[in-house]
Every structure is written in structure tokens, then in C-alpha cells.
Amino acid sequence: MGINLDKMREKLSSLRGGGSSSNETFWRPEDGDQDIRIVPTADGDPFKEKWFHYNLEKAGFLCPKRNYGDDCPICEFASQLWREGVDKNDESSKKVAKSLFVRQRFFSPVMVRGQQEAKSVRIWGYGKMAYENLLTLVLNPEYGDITDAETGTDLTLTYGKPPGGQYPVTKLVPRRRSSSLCEEMTPDKCAELLNSIPDFDGLFDRKTTSDVQTILDTFINSQVEDPETVSSETTKYGNNNNNASSDTNAVDTAFAELGAL
């Protein structure tokens, strides 16, 4: 029996950072230039905002507080840990707190011109600078609604580390002429494309406050050796909601340092 190439592709895809379903749904730019089109959504807002916690599990996960208004033990933990670091001039506490602060990411449905999947809609995740760039283009009367299916504009996306830079940068430049989203497609195919946008609410698992508390407990347990210390730390930082408002200014200061505001 010959080797199953589809299964081998799935294994390789998993090694590169996600299962096959994830890679079919999400798109990441490659180094260099690529032409994309932001696809319009039924609600008129193709720029979705999500808030994540990182550095606790293999992958980031949605913050229950910032996304849904539920209690978030990790936000409380990071907030109080930051305040303690400031009060005691403890840089290690501040460093851990920063790594746990909630981070904002943005997501849009896109078509990638010239790729095999060019006639399918995928989700592109990006940061604040690209988000501001997109909003600036939309609000510029010279371009207007760049997502319009008939009169919108393709974008040339340049991705990569600038000379001497440590992190990759995303640059977006609109094409000079407007164009149809569904070039060389029949109206039925175009309608099918517009209806194939993945459900944003279903992109990520929603974790309950209890789920997040368990993640936090596991994280604290991995940081200290004494189980009794773990228990007291979790009680001190994870379950105390009384100091949330008093921590706001300190946390805002930390966000400013991170460039998250």
C-alpha cells in the first residue's frame, strides 16, 4: 500500500503550527509582497477585534473579560502582580505581569490573489499598526470603501523584517485602480464566495472563568515549587476582585509601555 500523501501533508501542517482545518481557515502573509482583498461582511464591519492572553499555554486564548464581560482571573492576577512590582520595585514581577497582560489582535476576511486558494475566503490576523493603516485607508475619501465588491481596491501587502529590525512589519499600499472582488467569477460563484466567510464567533474556543482559573493555577504551579505557596498565591491574585479599580492606572501605564494602547 502506498503512502498517504494527504495524511503526510496534514502532519507537516501540524508541525508548522496548526492542524489542517486551522490552515484552511487562517492565512499568514509570507515574506515579501502579496496582493490581497478585504472581503465585505454582512454586518458592515470586516475588521474584528479580539483580546487574548498568551504565555500560559501553547496557544493564546480569548480573555473572558475583554471579549465577553466575564470575570478574568488572569487579568486580576497580572494587575495585582504589576502593582506589587511597582510598590516593591520588583522588576521580575513586572516582567511576568507584562507577559500576561491581555493583548489585542484584529482579524479580517481576505482573498489572496494569485494563490491556489484565491477563490476562497480566509481569515487574516494582524496587529494594531496594520489595523490603523486599514482604517486610515477606509476613511480616506480618495479610496473610500476598499472592501466594496464592485468598486473596492486590492491591497499590496509587504511583510518582513526591515533592515536592522527585530520584528516583522506589515505595510499596506492600495492599488491605483478599483477592481471587482469577483474577477472572472459568475454572479452565483461570487455570491457563494461572500457567503463562505467563516463565522468569527466560532474561530476561537470560549473559555469560562473557571477554565481560565484552572489555566492560571497550572501556570502558578509551574513557577513555584511549594504547593502551599501555589495555593496562597492563587488565592491572593486569582480570586480577589476587590482591587480591580485601584489597579487600573497601573495597568494602563504598563499597556502604554507595551504599545498596546
Protein backbone atom coordinates (compact mmCIF):
# COMPACT_ATOMS: atom_id res chain seq x y z
CA MET A 1 0.00 0.00 0.00
CA GLY A 2 1.40 3.41 -0.98
CA ILE A 3 1.98 6.25 1.42
CA ASN A 4 -1.00 8.52 2.12
CA LEU A 5 0.21 11.90 0.87
CA ASP A 6 -2.80 13.77 2.25
CA LYS A 7 -2.02 12.46 5.73
CA MET A 8 1.63 13.43 5.31
CA ARG A 9 0.59 16.96 4.35
CA GLU A 10 -1.62 17.09 7.43
CA LYS A 11 1.30 16.02 9.63
CA LEU A 12 3.59 18.63 8.09
CA SER A 13 0.91 21.28 8.52
CA SER A 14 0.56 20.36 12.18
CA LEU A 15 4.32 20.66 12.73
CA ARG A 16 4.27 24.14 11.22
CA GLY A 17 1.87 25.46 13.79
CA GLY A 18 -1.66 24.23 13.27
CA GLY A 19 -3.92 21.49 12.06
CA SER A 20 -5.27 21.30 8.55
CA SER A 21 -8.55 22.95 9.47
CA SER A 22 -6.68 25.87 11.05
CA ASN A 23 -4.53 26.38 7.95
CA GLU A 24 -7.59 26.22 5.73
CA THR A 25 -9.29 28.95 7.76
CA PHE A 26 -6.42 31.29 8.60
CA TRP A 27 -3.93 32.99 6.32
CA ARG A 28 -0.49 34.30 7.23
CA PRO A 29 1.49 36.51 4.85
CA GLU A 30 4.84 35.30 3.56
CA ASP A 31 7.94 37.45 3.44
CA GLY A 32 7.74 39.85 0.53
CA ASP A 33 4.80 41.21 -1.46
CA GLN A 34 1.36 39.68 -1.92
CA ASP A 35 -1.90 41.13 -3.22
CA ILE A 36 -4.99 40.73 -1.06
CA ARG A 37 -8.58 41.92 -1.00
CA ILE A 38 -10.53 42.57 2.20
CA VAL A 39 -13.90 40.87 1.74
CA PRO A 40 -17.02 42.78 2.85
CA THR A 41 -19.08 41.32 5.68
CA ALA A 42 -22.85 41.33 6.14
CA ASP A 43 -22.62 43.47 9.29
CA GLY A 44 -20.53 46.15 7.55
CA ASP A 45 -17.51 45.63 9.82
CA PRO A 46 -14.77 43.44 8.30
CA PHE A 47 -12.26 44.49 10.97
CA LYS A 48 -12.90 42.34 14.04
CA GLU A 49 -11.20 42.97 17.39
CA LYS A 50 -10.30 40.18 19.80
CA TRP A 51 -8.38 40.18 23.08
CA PHE A 52 -6.03 37.34 24.01
CA HIS A 53 -3.85 36.07 26.82
CA TYR A 54 -0.54 34.50 25.83
CA ASN A 55 2.38 32.78 27.53
CA LEU A 56 0.29 30.46 29.70
CA GLU A 57 -0.46 27.65 27.25
CA LYS A 58 0.93 26.55 23.90
CA ALA A 59 -1.51 28.86 22.13
CA GLY A 60 -3.19 32.10 23.11
CA PHE A 61 -6.83 32.14 24.16
CA LEU A 62 -9.62 34.67 24.43
CA CYS A 63 -9.84 36.84 27.53
CA PRO A 64 -13.30 36.33 29.06
CA LYS A 65 -13.35 39.87 30.46
CA ARG A 66 -12.35 41.92 27.43
CA ASN A 67 -14.34 39.82 24.95
CA TYR A 68 -17.45 38.87 26.93
CA GLY A 69 -17.54 40.96 30.11
CA ASP A 70 -16.97 37.95 32.39
CA ASP A 71 -14.53 37.81 35.29
CA CYS A 72 -10.96 37.01 34.28
CA PRO A 73 -8.62 35.69 36.99
CA ILE A 74 -5.59 36.26 34.77
CA CYS A 75 -6.38 39.96 34.34
CA GLU A 76 -6.70 40.23 38.13
CA PHE A 77 -3.50 38.27 38.71
CA ALA A 78 -1.47 40.33 36.23
CA SER A 79 -2.91 43.59 37.54
CA GLN A 80 -2.03 42.90 41.16
CA LEU A 81 1.34 41.41 40.26
CA TRP A 82 2.19 44.58 38.35
CA ARG A 83 1.15 46.77 41.27
CA GLU A 84 3.23 44.68 43.65
CA GLY A 85 6.22 45.01 41.30
CA VAL A 86 5.81 48.79 41.23
CA ASP A 87 5.38 49.08 45.01
CA LYS A 88 8.39 46.86 45.76
CA ASN A 89 10.48 47.91 42.75
CA ASP A 90 10.48 44.25 41.70
CA GLU A 91 11.34 44.06 38.00
CA SER A 92 10.80 40.28 37.83
CA SER A 93 7.17 40.65 38.99
CA LYS A 94 6.61 43.44 36.47
CA LYS A 95 8.11 41.31 33.71
CA VAL A 96 5.78 38.39 34.44
CA ALA A 97 2.80 40.73 34.69
CA LYS A 98 3.59 42.26 31.30
CA SER A 99 3.77 38.82 29.70
CA LEU A 100 0.26 38.05 30.98
CA PHE A 101 -1.47 41.32 30.16
CA VAL A 102 -4.24 40.98 27.61
CA ARG A 103 -3.19 41.68 24.00
CA GLN A 104 -5.35 42.94 21.19
CA ARG A 105 -5.45 41.30 17.76
CA PHE A 106 -7.50 42.07 14.68
CA PHE A 107 -8.99 39.77 12.06
CA SER A 108 -10.39 40.27 8.57
CA PRO A 109 -11.71 38.01 5.82
CA VAL A 110 -9.43 38.16 2.78
CA MET A 111 -8.90 36.78 -0.68
CA VAL A 112 -5.26 36.30 -1.65
CA ARG A 113 -4.75 37.00 -5.33
CA GLY A 114 -2.66 34.57 -7.33
CA GLN A 115 -2.77 31.69 -4.86
CA GLN A 116 -4.41 28.34 -5.37
CA GLU A 117 -6.95 29.30 -2.71
CA ALA A 118 -7.55 32.70 -4.34
CA LYS A 119 -11.23 31.98 -4.86
CA SER A 120 -11.84 31.17 -1.18
CA VAL A 121 -12.12 33.41 1.85
CA ARG A 122 -9.62 33.03 4.67
CA ILE A 123 -9.04 34.92 7.90
CA TRP A 124 -6.02 37.18 8.27
CA GLY A 125 -4.87 38.12 11.78
CA TYR A 126 -2.80 41.26 12.26
CA GLY A 127 -1.67 43.87 14.78
CA LYS A 128 -2.50 47.41 15.74
CA MET A 129 -0.30 49.19 13.19
CA ALA A 130 -1.87 47.34 10.25
CA TYR A 131 -5.32 47.97 11.77
CA GLU A 132 -4.68 51.72 11.94
CA ASN A 133 -3.38 51.65 8.37
CA LEU A 134 -6.57 49.94 7.17
CA LEU A 135 -8.88 52.36 9.00
CA THR A 136 -6.92 55.31 7.58
CA LEU A 137 -7.44 53.98 4.07
CA VAL A 138 -11.16 53.41 4.61
CA LEU A 139 -11.64 56.94 5.95
CA ASN A 140 -9.63 58.50 3.11
CA PRO A 141 -12.16 59.78 0.53
CA GLU A 142 -9.65 59.05 -2.23
CA TYR A 143 -10.16 55.33 -1.58
CA GLY A 144 -13.39 55.04 0.42
CA ASP A 145 -14.76 51.56 0.97
CA ILE A 146 -11.83 49.42 -0.11
CA THR A 147 -13.92 46.30 0.63
CA ASP A 148 -16.76 47.06 -1.81
CA ALA A 149 -17.30 44.04 -4.05
CA GLU A 150 -17.53 46.15 -7.23
CA THR A 151 -15.63 49.38 -6.59
CA GLY A 152 -13.21 48.35 -3.86
CA THR A 153 -9.45 48.15 -4.06
CA ASP A 154 -6.90 45.37 -3.82
CA LEU A 155 -4.01 45.95 -1.43
CA THR A 156 -0.36 45.10 -1.86
CA LEU A 157 0.81 43.73 1.48
CA THR A 158 4.55 43.75 2.16
CA TYR A 159 5.66 41.64 5.09
CA GLY A 160 9.08 41.12 6.65
CA LYS A 161 11.74 42.46 8.96
CA PRO A 162 13.13 45.86 7.96
CA PRO A 163 16.93 46.21 7.81
CA GLY A 164 18.22 46.00 11.35
CA GLY A 165 14.74 45.30 12.70
CA GLN A 166 13.95 42.65 15.26
CA TYR A 167 10.31 42.04 14.37
CA PRO A 168 8.47 41.76 11.04
CA VAL A 169 6.46 44.73 9.82
CA THR A 170 3.30 44.80 7.70
CA LYS A 171 2.98 47.53 5.07
CA LEU A 172 -0.23 48.03 3.07
CA VAL A 173 -0.45 50.00 -0.18
CA PRO A 174 -3.74 50.26 -2.15
CA ARG A 175 -3.73 49.62 -5.89
CA ARG A 176 -4.23 52.72 -8.02
CA ARG A 177 -7.42 51.48 -9.64
CA SER A 178 -10.56 49.99 -8.20
CA SER A 179 -11.49 46.46 -9.24
CA SER A 180 -14.17 43.84 -8.81
CA LEU A 181 -13.76 41.40 -5.94
CA CYS A 182 -15.03 38.52 -8.06
CA GLU A 183 -12.99 38.88 -11.21
CA GLU A 184 -13.61 36.01 -13.67
CA MET A 185 -16.41 34.64 -11.48
CA THR A 186 -20.05 34.14 -12.30
CA PRO A 187 -22.58 36.01 -10.11
CA ASP A 188 -23.54 32.72 -8.46
CA LYS A 189 -19.91 31.93 -7.64
CA CYS A 190 -19.43 35.42 -6.27
CA ALA A 191 -22.48 35.09 -4.04
CA GLU A 192 -21.19 31.72 -2.87
CA LEU A 193 -17.85 33.31 -2.04
CA LEU A 194 -19.43 36.09 0.00
CA ASN A 195 -21.48 33.54 1.92
CA SER A 196 -18.40 31.45 2.72
CA ILE A 197 -16.83 33.85 5.21
CA PRO A 198 -16.00 31.86 8.36
CA ASP A 199 -18.07 32.62 11.45
CA PHE A 200 -15.94 34.95 13.57
CA ASP A 201 -17.67 33.87 16.77
CA GLY A 202 -16.66 30.28 16.06
CA LEU A 203 -12.99 30.92 15.27
CA PHE A 204 -11.79 30.51 18.84
CA ASP A 205 -12.98 28.49 21.80
CA ARG A 206 -14.69 30.49 24.51
CA LYS A 207 -13.25 29.72 27.94
CA THR A 208 -15.24 30.22 31.12
CA THR A 209 -13.93 31.99 34.19
CA SER A 210 -13.46 28.55 35.76
CA ASP A 211 -11.43 27.37 32.75
CA VAL A 212 -9.19 30.41 33.00
CA GLN A 213 -8.73 29.93 36.74
CA THR A 214 -7.52 26.38 36.08
CA ILE A 215 -5.04 27.66 33.49
CA LEU A 216 -3.79 30.25 35.96
CA ASP A 217 -3.42 27.66 38.73
CA THR A 218 -1.39 25.45 36.40
CA PHE A 219 0.80 28.39 35.42
CA ILE A 220 1.49 29.37 39.03
CA ASN A 221 2.17 25.75 39.87
CA SER A 222 4.84 25.69 37.17
CA GLN A 223 6.52 28.81 38.56
CA VAL A 224 6.94 27.79 42.20
CA GLU A 225 7.90 24.53 43.87
CA ASP A 226 5.93 24.66 47.11
CA PRO A 227 2.28 23.56 46.57
CA GLU A 228 1.18 25.52 49.63
CA THR A 229 2.72 28.65 48.17
CA VAL A 230 0.84 27.95 44.96
CA SER A 231 -2.43 27.80 46.82
CA SER A 232 -1.82 31.06 48.67
CA GLU A 233 -0.64 32.84 45.53
CA THR A 234 -3.70 31.72 43.62
CA THR A 235 -5.95 32.94 46.40
CA LYS A 236 -4.11 36.24 46.62
CA TYR A 237 -4.03 37.05 42.94
CA GLY A 238 -6.52 34.84 41.18
CA ASN A 239 -9.66 35.10 43.27
CA ASN A 240 -9.53 38.61 44.69
CA ASN A 241 -11.71 41.05 42.76
CA ASN A 242 -11.75 43.86 45.33
CA ASN A 243 -8.79 45.81 43.97
CA ALA A 244 -9.65 45.83 40.28
CA SER A 245 -10.48 49.53 40.04
CA SER A 246 -7.44 50.63 42.06
CA ASP A 247 -5.16 48.74 39.67
CA THR A 248 -6.47 50.38 36.51
CA ASN A 249 -3.96 53.23 36.32
CA ALA A 250 -1.00 50.94 36.94
CA VAL A 251 -2.13 48.53 34.27
CA ASP A 252 -2.77 51.35 31.80
CA THR A 253 0.80 52.50 32.37
CA ALA A 254 2.09 49.03 31.60
CA PHE A 255 -0.01 48.83 28.45
CA ALA A 256 1.43 52.14 27.31
CA GLU A 257 4.92 50.73 27.73
CA LEU A 258 3.94 47.71 25.66
CA GLY A 259 2.44 49.85 22.92
CA ALA A 260 -0.90 48.15 23.48
CA LEU A 261 -2.95 51.30 23.92
